Amino acid sequence: MLAGTVARLLARRGHSVLALDSDTMPGLAVSLGLGGAADAPAPLADAAERGEDGRWRLKKGVGPVRAVGRYAVAAPDGVKLLQSGKLPAEGTGPIMGSLQAYYKVVHRLPRARTFGNWAIVGDLPAGPRQAAFDWAPYAETFLILAEPTWQSALTARRVARVVRSRRRAATVGVVASKVAGPADVGRVEELVGERVLAAIPADEAVARAERAGAAVLDHATSSPAVRAIERLLDGLMVMEPAGSCTVPDVGSP
């Protein structure tokens, strides 16, 4: 919800926006306003092949620009969405080629001049695994979502340490999510061990939008959560006037 809303708000402010989704569970497409139908199982399957050594590689001629041009989906407000793939009942086997292609594409993104002036917003799944294996090499700012529970907050602390150990130049900020008031923000700060950059309130409008399969930005434009995200974005634009960010979600399952 945060990544999708930030992506669209940036587009409304005049930025060219690329949204990147490496979470194999559905979510970002809905939060962008595309609905669940846009969650393709293996959108980049045709971009990858296996060499004689058995290793995955991008097909000849496929780089970040061509991958976005061929495989990204147009979302509301002009946002482009590129997804790694969604987990089918059979597991990762059927989507492995798409996952490998996505990983290789995002690692070439920082060198692609075409996207030099774009705002890039990524969505990572819960937990430290993708942060540890560098699934967001394009990101200059990491926002780590933490709910006011000890499981979520301690995971956030671990993710923050992983990111800082791998990406020393990156900005890392903790965002308290689903908070009921200042006490919840304080609890997140106490458990994580650092100040919270911003807080997003528990908002029934978000739950209603999710039940309707709609983006909260379309469903409840002036809801408390949307207003909080707008304030967060204002602060980020001061911190990082240009660049990209990613949102590792460490909320409770």
C-alpha atoms as a PDB file:
ATOM      1  CA  MET A   1       0.000   0.000   0.000  1.00  0.00           C
ATOM      2  CA  LEU A   2       2.814   2.404   0.877  1.00  0.00           C
ATOM      3  CA  ALA A   3       4.865   1.615  -2.242  1.00  0.00           C
ATOM      4  CA  GLY A   4       1.884   1.854  -4.583  1.00  0.00           C
ATOM      5  CA  THR A   5       0.613   5.089  -3.085  1.00  0.00           C
ATOM      6  CA  VAL A   6       4.075   6.694  -3.130  1.00  0.00           C
ATOM      7  CA  ALA A   7       4.566   5.669  -6.767  1.00  0.00           C
ATOM      8  CA  ARG A   8       1.317   7.271  -7.878  1.00  0.00           C
ATOM      9  CA  LEU A   9       1.810  10.418  -5.810  1.00  0.00           C
ATOM     10  CA  LEU A  10       5.240  10.859  -7.397  1.00  0.00           C
ATOM     11  CA  ALA A  11       3.690  10.470 -10.848  1.00  0.00           C
ATOM     12  CA  ARG A  12       1.078  13.092  -9.990  1.00  0.00           C
ATOM     13  CA  ARG A  13       3.917  15.434  -9.083  1.00  0.00           C
ATOM     14  CA  GLY A  14       5.330  15.146 -12.576  1.00  0.00           C
ATOM     15  CA  HIS A  15       7.871  12.343 -12.214  1.00  0.00           C
ATOM     16  CA  SER A  16       8.313   9.418 -14.573  1.00  0.00           C
ATOM     17  CA  VAL A  17       7.853   6.461 -12.237  1.00  0.00           C
ATOM     18  CA  LEU A  18       8.919   2.829 -12.432  1.00  0.00           C
ATOM     19  CA  ALA A  19       7.411   0.554  -9.783  1.00  0.00           C
ATOM     20  CA  LEU A  20       9.295  -2.682  -9.128  1.00  0.00           C
ATOM     21  CA  ASP A  21       7.642  -5.633  -7.396  1.00  0.00           C
ATOM     22  CA  SER A  22       9.804  -8.530  -6.222  1.00  0.00           C
ATOM     23  CA  ASP A  23       7.223  -9.817  -3.749  1.00  0.00           C
ATOM     24  CA  THR A  24       5.921 -13.172  -4.997  1.00  0.00           C
ATOM     25  CA  MET A  25       2.659 -12.613  -3.125  1.00  0.00           C
ATOM     26  CA  PRO A  26      -0.026 -10.350  -4.661  1.00  0.00           C
ATOM     27  CA  GLY A  27      -0.269  -6.746  -3.518  1.00  0.00           C
ATOM     28  CA  LEU A  28       1.458  -3.948  -5.392  1.00  0.00           C
ATOM     29  CA  ALA A  29      -0.656  -4.237  -8.548  1.00  0.00           C
ATOM     30  CA  VAL A  30      -3.809  -3.844  -6.444  1.00  0.00           C
ATOM     31  CA  SER A  31      -2.332  -0.924  -4.511  1.00  0.00           C
ATOM     32  CA  LEU A  32      -1.497   0.782  -7.799  1.00  0.00           C
ATOM     33  CA  GLY A  33      -5.100   0.430  -8.947  1.00  0.00           C
ATOM     34  CA  LEU A  34      -4.655  -2.400 -11.445  1.00  0.00           C
ATOM     35  CA  GLY A  35      -6.545  -5.080  -9.550  1.00  0.00           C
ATOM     36  CA  GLY A  36      -5.410  -8.656  -9.026  1.00  0.00           C
ATOM     37  CA  ALA A  37      -5.653  -9.482 -12.730  1.00  0.00           C
ATOM     38  CA  ALA A  38      -2.346  -7.694 -13.318  1.00  0.00           C
ATOM     39  CA  ASP A  39      -0.457 -10.096 -11.026  1.00  0.00           C
ATOM     40  CA  ALA A  40       1.086 -12.255 -13.752  1.00  0.00           C
ATOM     41  CA  PRO A  41       2.652 -15.561 -12.625  1.00  0.00           C
ATOM     42  CA  ALA A  42       5.835 -15.175 -14.703  1.00  0.00           C
ATOM     43  CA  PRO A  43       5.858 -11.912 -16.681  1.00  0.00           C
ATOM     44  CA  LEU A  44       9.582 -12.076 -17.517  1.00  0.00           C
ATOM     45  CA  ALA A  45       9.715 -15.748 -18.487  1.00  0.00           C
ATOM     46  CA  ASP A  46      10.447 -14.918 -22.132  1.00  0.00           C
ATOM     47  CA  ALA A  47      13.351 -12.674 -21.152  1.00  0.00           C
ATOM     48  CA  ALA A  48      15.477 -15.466 -19.670  1.00  0.00           C
ATOM     49  CA  GLU A  49      17.174 -18.597 -20.915  1.00  0.00           C
ATOM     50  CA  ARG A  50      19.516 -21.222 -19.557  1.00  0.00           C
ATOM     51  CA  GLY A  51      23.004 -21.547 -20.946  1.00  0.00           C
ATOM     52  CA  GLU A  52      24.885 -24.762 -21.540  1.00  0.00           C
ATOM     53  CA  ASP A  53      26.265 -24.488 -18.021  1.00  0.00           C
ATOM     54  CA  GLY A  54      22.709 -24.574 -16.650  1.00  0.00           C
ATOM     55  CA  ARG A  55      22.813 -21.008 -15.388  1.00  0.00           C
ATOM     56  CA  TRP A  56      20.076 -18.495 -16.090  1.00  0.00           C
ATOM     57  CA  ARG A  57      20.883 -15.429 -18.175  1.00  0.00           C
ATOM     58  CA  LEU A  58      19.037 -12.677 -19.980  1.00  0.00           C
ATOM     59  CA  LYS A  59      18.412 -13.337 -23.640  1.00  0.00           C
ATOM     60  CA  LYS A  60      20.593 -11.429 -26.045  1.00  0.00           C
ATOM     61  CA  GLY A  61      19.395  -7.871 -26.532  1.00  0.00           C
ATOM     62  CA  VAL A  62      17.320  -7.779 -23.351  1.00  0.00           C
ATOM     63  CA  GLY A  63      18.385  -5.082 -20.897  1.00  0.00           C
ATOM     64  CA  PRO A  64      16.532  -2.824 -18.474  1.00  0.00           C
ATOM     65  CA  VAL A  65      15.104  -0.502 -21.135  1.00  0.00           C
ATOM     66  CA  ARG A  66      13.834  -3.306 -23.346  1.00  0.00           C
ATOM     67  CA  ALA A  67      12.558  -5.299 -20.367  1.00  0.00           C
ATOM     68  CA  VAL A  68      10.489  -2.356 -19.132  1.00  0.00           C
ATOM     69  CA  GLY A  69       9.275  -1.631 -22.656  1.00  0.00           C
ATOM     70  CA  ARG A  70       8.180  -5.220 -23.292  1.00  0.00           C
ATOM     71  CA  TYR A  71       7.112  -6.562 -19.935  1.00  0.00           C
ATOM     72  CA  ALA A  72       6.068  -3.642 -17.722  1.00  0.00           C
ATOM     73  CA  VAL A  73       2.366  -2.949 -17.221  1.00  0.00           C
ATOM     74  CA  ALA A  74       0.866   0.537 -17.485  1.00  0.00           C
ATOM     75  CA  ALA A  75      -0.712   1.577 -14.183  1.00  0.00           C
ATOM     76  CA  PRO A  76      -2.838   4.641 -13.300  1.00  0.00           C
ATOM     77  CA  ASP A  77      -1.195   8.082 -13.381  1.00  0.00           C
ATOM     78  CA  GLY A  78       1.359   6.816 -15.897  1.00  0.00           C
ATOM     79  CA  VAL A  79       3.287   4.533 -13.523  1.00  0.00           C
ATOM     80  CA  LYS A  80       5.078   1.578 -15.144  1.00  0.00           C
ATOM     81  CA  LEU A  81       4.985  -1.670 -13.138  1.00  0.00           C
ATOM     82  CA  LEU A  82       7.550  -4.438 -13.607  1.00  0.00           C
ATOM     83  CA  GLN A  83       6.991  -7.605 -11.588  1.00  0.00           C
ATOM     84  CA  SER A  84       9.216 -10.587 -10.837  1.00  0.00           C
ATOM     85  CA  GLY A  85       6.281 -13.015 -10.757  1.00  0.00           C
ATOM     86  CA  LYS A  86       3.671 -14.442  -8.415  1.00  0.00           C
ATOM     87  CA  LEU A  87       3.990 -17.757  -6.620  1.00  0.00           C
ATOM     88  CA  PRO A  88       1.789 -20.510  -8.097  1.00  0.00           C
ATOM     89  CA  ALA A  89       0.593 -23.592  -6.220  1.00  0.00           C
ATOM     90  CA  GLU A  90       3.499 -25.580  -7.669  1.00  0.00           C
ATOM     91  CA  GLY A  91       6.093 -23.373  -5.973  1.00  0.00           C
ATOM     92  CA  THR A  92       8.920 -21.344  -7.505  1.00  0.00           C
ATOM     93  CA  GLY A  93       9.813 -23.845 -10.238  1.00  0.00           C
ATOM     94  CA  PRO A  94       7.445 -22.519 -12.931  1.00  0.00           C
ATOM     95  CA  ILE A  95       8.473 -18.894 -12.312  1.00  0.00           C
ATOM     96  CA  MET A  96      12.206 -19.385 -11.777  1.00  0.00           C
ATOM     97  CA  GLY A  97      13.121 -17.986 -15.198  1.00  0.00           C
ATOM     98  CA  SER A  98      11.078 -14.852 -14.556  1.00  0.00           C
ATOM     99  CA  LEU A  99      12.608 -14.390 -11.092  1.00  0.00           C
ATOM    100  CA  GLN A 100      16.121 -14.762 -12.488  1.00  0.00           C
ATOM    101  CA  ALA A 101      15.423 -12.314 -15.313  1.00  0.00           C
ATOM    102  CA  TYR A 102      13.985  -9.751 -12.900  1.00  0.00           C
ATOM    103  CA  TYR A 103      17.009 -10.003 -10.602  1.00  0.00           C
ATOM    104  CA  LYS A 104      19.404  -9.464 -13.500  1.00  0.00           C
ATOM    105  CA  VAL A 105      17.375  -6.570 -14.909  1.00  0.00           C
ATOM    106  CA  VAL A 106      17.256  -4.639 -11.624  1.00  0.00           C
ATOM    107  CA  HIS A 107      20.999  -5.078 -11.196  1.00  0.00           C
ATOM    108  CA  ARG A 108      21.535  -3.359 -14.534  1.00  0.00           C
ATOM    109  CA  LEU A 109      19.096  -0.540 -13.783  1.00  0.00           C
ATOM    110  CA  PRO A 110      21.597   1.772 -12.062  1.00  0.00           C
ATOM    111  CA  ARG A 111      23.655   1.850 -15.289  1.00  0.00           C
ATOM    112  CA  ALA A 112      20.697   2.513 -17.601  1.00  0.00           C
ATOM    113  CA  ARG A 113      20.795   6.188 -18.630  1.00  0.00           C
ATOM    114  CA  THR A 114      17.159   6.087 -19.734  1.00  0.00           C
ATOM    115  CA  PHE A 115      16.048   5.814 -16.109  1.00  0.00           C
ATOM    116  CA  GLY A 116      18.531   8.343 -14.749  1.00  0.00           C
ATOM    117  CA  ASN A 117      15.813  10.920 -14.059  1.00  0.00           C
ATOM    118  CA  TRP A 118      13.042   8.473 -13.164  1.00  0.00           C
ATOM    119  CA  ALA A 119      11.689   7.876  -9.681  1.00  0.00           C
ATOM    120  CA  ILE A 120      12.009   4.163  -8.931  1.00  0.00           C
ATOM    121  CA  VAL A 121       9.907   2.654  -6.145  1.00  0.00           C
ATOM    122  CA  GLY A 122      10.361  -0.988  -5.158  1.00  0.00           C
ATOM    123  CA  ASP A 123       8.342  -3.340  -2.993  1.00  0.00           C
ATOM    124  CA  LEU A 124      10.205  -6.105  -1.139  1.00  0.00           C
ATOM    125  CA  PRO A 125       8.438  -8.919   0.740  1.00  0.00           C
ATOM    126  CA  ALA A 126       8.420  -9.333   4.498  1.00  0.00           C
ATOM    127  CA  GLY A 127      11.627 -10.392   6.193  1.00  0.00           C
ATOM    128  CA  PRO A 128      15.365  -9.885   5.625  1.00  0.00           C
ATOM    129  CA  ARG A 129      16.017 -12.433   2.874  1.00  0.00           C
ATOM    130  CA  GLN A 130      15.718 -10.205  -0.198  1.00  0.00           C
ATOM    131  CA  ALA A 131      17.488  -7.326   1.518  1.00  0.00           C
ATOM    132  CA  ALA A 132      20.379  -9.688   2.328  1.00  0.00           C
ATOM    133  CA  PHE A 133      20.580 -10.947  -1.254  1.00  0.00           C
ATOM    134  CA  ASP A 134      20.487  -7.437  -2.760  1.00  0.00           C
ATOM    135  CA  TRP A 135      17.163  -7.483  -4.603  1.00  0.00           C
ATOM    136  CA  ALA A 136      17.030  -3.674  -4.589  1.00  0.00           C
ATOM    137  CA  PRO A 137      20.420  -2.491  -5.916  1.00  0.00           C
ATOM    138  CA  TYR A 138      18.702   0.549  -7.450  1.00  0.00           C
ATOM    139  CA  ALA A 139      17.531   1.909  -4.087  1.00  0.00           C
ATOM    140  CA  GLU A 140      19.098   4.919  -2.391  1.00  0.00           C
ATOM    141  CA  THR A 141      16.489   5.031   0.383  1.00  0.00           C
ATOM    142  CA  PHE A 142      15.017   2.070   2.263  1.00  0.00           C
ATOM    143  CA  LEU A 143      11.787   2.449   4.219  1.00  0.00           C
ATOM    144  CA  ILE A 144      11.272  -0.411   6.648  1.00  0.00           C
ATOM    145  CA  LEU A 145       7.690  -0.852   7.798  1.00  0.00           C
ATOM    146  CA  ALA A 146       7.162  -2.067  11.351  1.00  0.00           C
ATOM    147  CA  GLU A 147       3.918  -2.694  13.182  1.00  0.00           C
ATOM    148  CA  PRO A 148       3.699  -2.153  16.967  1.00  0.00           C
ATOM    149  CA  THR A 149       4.288  -5.832  17.773  1.00  0.00           C
ATOM    150  CA  TRP A 150       7.529  -7.318  19.030  1.00  0.00           C
ATOM    151  CA  GLN A 151       7.724  -9.826  16.142  1.00  0.00           C
ATOM    152  CA  SER A 152       7.429  -7.092  13.517  1.00  0.00           C
ATOM    153  CA  ALA A 153       9.663  -4.579  15.286  1.00  0.00           C
ATOM    154  CA  LEU A 154      12.480  -7.070  15.945  1.00  0.00           C
ATOM    155  CA  THR A 155      12.357  -8.143  12.300  1.00  0.00           C
ATOM    156  CA  ALA A 156      12.564  -4.467  11.310  1.00  0.00           C
ATOM    157  CA  ARG A 157      15.667  -4.066  13.470  1.00  0.00           C
ATOM    158  CA  ARG A 158      17.262  -7.051  11.753  1.00  0.00           C
ATOM    159  CA  VAL A 159      16.394  -5.783   8.274  1.00  0.00           C
ATOM    160  CA  ALA A 160      17.834  -2.354   9.092  1.00  0.00           C
ATOM    161  CA  ARG A 161      21.106  -3.952  10.160  1.00  0.00           C
ATOM    162  CA  VAL A 162      21.250  -6.076   7.010  1.00  0.00           C
ATOM    163  CA  VAL A 163      20.646  -3.102   4.731  1.00  0.00           C
ATOM    164  CA  ARG A 164      23.187  -0.911   6.497  1.00  0.00           C
ATOM    165  CA  SER A 165      25.826  -3.633   6.370  1.00  0.00           C
ATOM    166  CA  ARG A 166      25.362  -4.142   2.627  1.00  0.00           C
ATOM    167  CA  ARG A 167      24.503  -0.628   1.476  1.00  0.00           C
ATOM    168  CA  ARG A 168      26.511   1.769   3.616  1.00  0.00           C
ATOM    169  CA  ALA A 169      25.634   4.792   1.479  1.00  0.00           C
ATOM    170  CA  ALA A 170      21.876   4.141   1.580  1.00  0.00           C
ATOM    171  CA  THR A 171      19.448   6.071   3.757  1.00  0.00           C
ATOM    172  CA  VAL A 172      17.451   3.768   6.049  1.00  0.00           C
ATOM    173  CA  GLY A 173      14.293   4.855   7.838  1.00  0.00           C
ATOM    174  CA  VAL A 174      11.774   2.996   9.974  1.00  0.00           C
ATOM    175  CA  VAL A 175       8.095   3.701   9.349  1.00  0.00           C
ATOM    176  CA  ALA A 176       5.618   2.714  12.048  1.00  0.00           C
ATOM    177  CA  SER A 177       2.592   1.096  10.404  1.00  0.00           C
ATOM    178  CA  LYS A 178      -0.952   0.447  11.623  1.00  0.00           C
ATOM    179  CA  VAL A 179      -0.491   2.574  14.745  1.00  0.00           C
ATOM    180  CA  ALA A 180      -3.345   3.700  16.965  1.00  0.00           C
ATOM    181  CA  GLY A 181      -1.519   6.636  18.526  1.00  0.00           C
ATOM    182  CA  PRO A 182       1.729   7.971  20.037  1.00  0.00           C
ATOM    183  CA  ALA A 183       2.018   4.985  22.398  1.00  0.00           C
ATOM    184  CA  ASP A 184       2.265   2.600  19.433  1.00  0.00           C
ATOM    185  CA  VAL A 185       4.904   4.800  17.801  1.00  0.00           C
ATOM    186  CA  GLY A 186       6.882   4.786  21.046  1.00  0.00           C
ATOM    187  CA  ARG A 187       6.611   1.009  21.269  1.00  0.00           C
ATOM    188  CA  VAL A 188       8.030   0.609  17.758  1.00  0.00           C
ATOM    189  CA  GLU A 189      10.891   2.978  18.592  1.00  0.00           C
ATOM    190  CA  GLU A 190      11.646   1.123  21.823  1.00  0.00           C
ATOM    191  CA  LEU A 191      11.667  -2.317  20.193  1.00  0.00           C
ATOM    192  CA  VAL A 192      13.515  -1.313  17.037  1.00  0.00           C
ATOM    193  CA  GLY A 193      15.979   0.849  18.941  1.00  0.00           C
ATOM    194  CA  GLU A 194      15.816   3.960  16.767  1.00  0.00           C
ATOM    195  CA  ARG A 195      13.601   6.915  15.978  1.00  0.00           C
ATOM    196  CA  VAL A 196      10.644   6.407  13.671  1.00  0.00           C
ATOM    197  CA  LEU A 197      10.822   8.446  10.475  1.00  0.00           C
ATOM    198  CA  ALA A 198       7.042   8.550  10.002  1.00  0.00           C
ATOM    199  CA  ALA A 199       3.884   6.854  11.209  1.00  0.00           C
ATOM    200  CA  ILE A 200       0.948   5.517   9.215  1.00  0.00           C
ATOM    201  CA  PRO A 201      -2.227   5.136  11.286  1.00  0.00           C
ATOM    202  CA  ALA A 202      -4.441   2.087  11.394  1.00  0.00           C
ATOM    203  CA  ASP A 203      -7.057   3.124   8.870  1.00  0.00           C
ATOM    204  CA  GLU A 204     -10.286   1.317   8.134  1.00  0.00           C
ATOM    205  CA  ALA A 205     -10.308   2.917   4.682  1.00  0.00           C
ATOM    206  CA  VAL A 206      -7.218   0.855   3.805  1.00  0.00           C
ATOM    207  CA  ALA A 207      -8.961  -2.348   4.880  1.00  0.00           C
ATOM    208  CA  ARG A 208     -12.057  -1.444   2.864  1.00  0.00           C
ATOM    209  CA  ALA A 209      -9.949  -0.703  -0.206  1.00  0.00           C
ATOM    210  CA  GLU A 210      -8.160  -4.044   0.107  1.00  0.00           C
ATOM    211  CA  ARG A 211     -11.467  -5.892   0.438  1.00  0.00           C
ATOM    212  CA  ALA A 212     -12.677  -4.116  -2.696  1.00  0.00           C
ATOM    213  CA  GLY A 213      -9.463  -4.895  -4.581  1.00  0.00           C
ATOM    214  CA  ALA A 214      -8.891  -1.172  -5.101  1.00  0.00           C
ATOM    215  CA  ALA A 215      -6.092   1.307  -4.507  1.00  0.00           C
ATOM    216  CA  VAL A 216      -6.648   3.310  -1.342  1.00  0.00           C
ATOM    217  CA  LEU A 217      -5.705   6.410  -3.343  1.00  0.00           C
ATOM    218  CA  ASP A 218      -8.808   5.804  -5.496  1.00  0.00           C
ATOM    219  CA  HIS A 219     -11.027   4.405  -2.765  1.00  0.00           C
ATOM    220  CA  ALA A 220     -10.406   7.039  -0.070  1.00  0.00           C
ATOM    221  CA  THR A 221      -8.234   9.856  -1.384  1.00  0.00           C
ATOM    222  CA  SER A 222      -8.257  11.891   1.825  1.00  0.00           C
ATOM    223  CA  SER A 223      -8.069   9.051   4.326  1.00  0.00           C
ATOM    224  CA  PRO A 224      -5.693   9.366   7.317  1.00  0.00           C
ATOM    225  CA  ALA A 225      -3.285   6.801   5.833  1.00  0.00           C
ATOM    226  CA  VAL A 226      -3.047   8.635   2.510  1.00  0.00           C
ATOM    227  CA  ARG A 227      -2.457  11.966   4.241  1.00  0.00           C
ATOM    228  CA  ALA A 228       0.300  10.383   6.344  1.00  0.00           C
ATOM    229  CA  ILE A 229       1.956   8.981   3.221  1.00  0.00           C
ATOM    230  CA  GLU A 230       1.797  12.393   1.550  1.00  0.00           C
ATOM    231  CA  ARG A 231       3.601  13.918   4.546  1.00  0.00           C
ATOM    232  CA  LEU A 232       6.170  11.129   4.444  1.00  0.00           C
ATOM    233  CA  LEU A 233       6.749  11.750   0.741  1.00  0.00           C
ATOM    234  CA  ASP A 234       7.206  15.476   1.374  1.00  0.00           C
ATOM    235  CA  GLY A 235       9.948  14.625   3.848  1.00  0.00           C
ATOM    236  CA  LEU A 236      11.592  12.146   1.469  1.00  0.00           C
ATOM    237  CA  MET A 237      11.679  14.692  -1.333  1.00  0.00           C
ATOM    238  CA  VAL A 238      13.647  17.008   0.937  1.00  0.00           C
ATOM    239  CA  MET A 239      16.030  14.185   1.892  1.00  0.00           C
ATOM    240  CA  GLU A 240      16.378  12.711  -1.605  1.00  0.00           C
ATOM    241  CA  PRO A 241      15.362  15.194  -4.318  1.00  0.00           C
ATOM    242  CA  ALA A 242      16.124  12.547  -6.949  1.00  0.00           C
ATOM    243  CA  GLY A 243      16.649   8.835  -6.824  1.00  0.00           C
ATOM    244  CA  SER A 244      14.858   5.685  -5.836  1.00  0.00           C
ATOM    245  CA  CYS A 245      13.563   3.929  -2.782  1.00  0.00           C
ATOM    246  CA  THR A 246      12.324   0.560  -1.758  1.00  0.00           C
ATOM    247  CA  VAL A 247       9.904  -0.578   0.904  1.00  0.00           C
ATOM    248  CA  PRO A 248      10.713  -3.814   2.765  1.00  0.00           C
ATOM    249  CA  ASP A 249       7.521  -4.830   4.566  1.00  0.00           C
ATOM    250  CA  VAL A 250       8.129  -6.486   7.926  1.00  0.00           C
ATOM    251  CA  GLY A 251       4.548  -6.395   9.151  1.00  0.00           C
ATOM    252  CA  SER A 252       2.942  -9.404  10.768  1.00  0.00           C
ATOM    253  CA  PRO A 253       1.680 -12.004   8.278  1.00  0.00           C
END
